[in-house]
Protein backbone atom coordinates (compact mmCIF):
# COMPACT_ATOMS: atom_id res chain seq x y z
CA GLN A 1 -65.79 20.49 115.87
CA VAL A 2 -63.35 17.86 114.82
CA GLN A 3 -63.95 14.17 116.45
CA LEU A 4 -61.40 11.99 117.17
CA VAL A 5 -61.21 8.30 117.04
CA GLU A 6 -57.75 6.25 118.13
CA SER A 7 -57.41 2.65 116.63
CA GLY A 8 -54.71 0.66 116.33
CA GLY A 9 -53.68 -0.69 119.83
CA GLY A 10 -53.11 -4.25 120.80
CA LEU A 11 -50.58 -6.59 122.28
CA VAL A 12 -47.14 -7.27 121.02
CA GLN A 13 -44.41 -8.79 122.31
CA ALA A 14 -41.15 -6.06 123.24
CA GLY A 15 -39.17 -5.21 120.15
CA GLY A 16 -41.75 -5.07 117.68
CA SER A 17 -43.80 -2.65 116.14
CA LEU A 18 -47.35 -1.26 115.97
CA ARG A 19 -49.23 1.53 114.09
CA LEU A 20 -51.22 3.93 115.45
CA SER A 21 -53.98 5.66 113.59
CA CYS A 22 -56.41 8.33 114.91
CA ALA A 23 -59.47 9.85 112.41
CA ALA A 24 -60.79 13.01 112.41
CA SER A 25 -64.30 13.84 111.37
CA GLY A 26 -65.07 17.54 110.34
CA ARG A 27 -63.32 19.45 107.62
CA THR A 28 -60.77 21.50 109.61
CA PHE A 29 -58.53 18.66 110.26
CA SER A 30 -55.17 20.83 108.81
CA SER A 31 -56.32 23.35 111.34
CA TYR A 32 -54.87 21.51 114.24
CA VAL A 33 -51.52 20.65 115.55
CA MET A 34 -51.35 17.35 116.70
CA GLY A 35 -50.53 15.26 119.29
CA TRP A 36 -49.97 11.85 120.78
CA PHE A 37 -49.79 11.58 124.56
CA ARG A 38 -49.81 8.45 126.76
CA GLN A 39 -50.66 7.26 130.52
CA ALA A 40 -49.76 4.39 132.14
CA PRO A 41 -51.86 3.24 135.08
CA GLY A 42 -50.78 4.81 138.20
CA LYS A 43 -48.66 7.94 136.25
CA GLU A 44 -48.95 10.39 135.15
CA ARG A 45 -50.42 11.71 131.28
CA GLU A 46 -46.89 11.76 129.10
CA PHE A 47 -45.86 13.70 125.94
CA VAL A 48 -44.92 11.27 122.72
CA ALA A 49 -44.91 13.18 119.57
CA ALA A 50 -46.50 16.06 118.06
CA ILE A 51 -46.59 17.22 114.24
CA SER A 52 -47.46 20.37 112.95
CA ARG A 53 -50.14 21.63 110.47
CA SER A 54 -48.91 20.90 107.49
CA GLY A 55 -46.23 18.25 108.77
CA GLY A 56 -43.61 19.88 108.26
CA SER A 57 -41.85 19.97 112.15
CA THR A 58 -42.51 17.49 114.45
CA LEU A 59 -41.56 17.13 118.11
CA TYR A 60 -40.70 13.68 120.09
CA ALA A 61 -40.19 12.78 123.87
CA ASP A 62 -36.40 11.94 124.42
CA SER A 63 -38.25 8.21 125.51
CA VAL A 64 -39.10 7.54 122.36
CA LYS A 65 -37.29 9.63 119.84
CA GLY A 66 -35.54 7.01 117.29
CA ARG A 67 -38.28 4.40 117.62
CA PHE A 68 -41.46 6.16 116.94
CA THR A 69 -42.25 8.41 114.41
CA ILE A 70 -45.33 11.07 113.75
CA SER A 71 -46.86 11.74 110.54
CA ARG A 72 -50.27 12.77 109.17
CA ASP A 73 -52.64 12.66 105.86
CA ASN A 74 -54.41 16.05 105.93
CA ALA A 75 -55.85 14.64 102.91
CA LYS A 76 -57.58 11.18 104.81
CA ASN A 77 -57.90 13.40 108.14
CA THR A 78 -55.63 10.89 109.84
CA VAL A 79 -52.56 11.27 112.48
CA TYR A 80 -50.17 8.54 112.37
CA LEU A 81 -47.98 6.90 115.32
CA GLN A 82 -45.61 4.53 113.85
CA MET A 83 -44.31 2.35 116.90
CA ASN A 84 -41.06 0.75 116.64
CA SER A 85 -38.77 -1.41 119.02
CA LEU A 86 -41.37 -1.21 121.56
CA LYS A 87 -40.60 -1.98 124.79
CA PRO A 88 -42.65 -2.63 128.32
CA GLU A 89 -42.33 0.73 129.34
CA ASP A 90 -44.48 2.01 126.36
CA THR A 91 -47.12 0.23 127.77
CA ALA A 92 -50.10 2.70 127.88
CA VAL A 93 -53.39 3.79 126.82
CA TYR A 94 -52.21 6.26 124.17
CA SER A 95 -54.49 9.12 122.71
CA CYS A 96 -54.63 11.19 120.07
CA ALA A 97 -55.25 15.58 120.66
CA ALA A 98 -55.65 18.50 118.87
CA GLY A 99 -53.98 21.50 119.50
CA PHE A 100 -52.66 25.36 118.17
CA ARG A 101 -49.35 25.26 119.31
CA LEU A 102 -46.65 22.40 118.75
CA TYR A 103 -45.75 21.84 122.28
CA SER A 104 -45.30 19.01 124.45
CA ASP A 105 -47.69 20.07 127.24
CA TYR A 106 -51.24 18.62 127.35
CA ARG A 107 -52.38 21.88 128.44
CA GLY A 108 -51.81 23.37 125.39
CA TYR A 109 -54.55 20.91 123.41
CA ASN A 110 -58.17 21.29 123.86
CA LEU A 111 -59.42 18.08 121.90
CA TRP A 112 -59.32 14.74 122.76
CA GLY A 113 -59.80 11.09 121.28
CA GLN A 114 -60.98 8.24 123.60
CA GLY A 115 -57.48 6.29 123.74
CA THR A 116 -56.09 3.00 122.28
CA GLN A 117 -54.41 0.71 125.12
CA VAL A 118 -51.08 -0.62 123.47
CA THR A 119 -49.30 -2.97 125.94
CA VAL A 120 -45.91 -4.48 125.29
CA SER A 121 -45.05 -8.12 127.01
CA SER A 122 -41.67 -8.99 127.84
């Protein structure tokens, strides 16, 4: 089974940029739709973005559309989330997930990384 490990989180000022990475072990990475979700303290898990197996299709939450870009490099078994124009409300633990459908519902994903903290200061 594929294991997912996120990295790249940290503290950034509002308006700044950050790139998250999610590295997968195993040889089946390209078989999965990949998604990013986030969860802020006291709030429900929220969909951020997803990308198809080949990278040809993407899906974004309205709250991040135009600011965030999801991409993947199947040769490196890695999915990325480029986050630009960050806002304090983007502060959350960001997790990557693997699933079989390009969908915004977290219940459509069955493999998760441990999460990485993103904090955006005002």
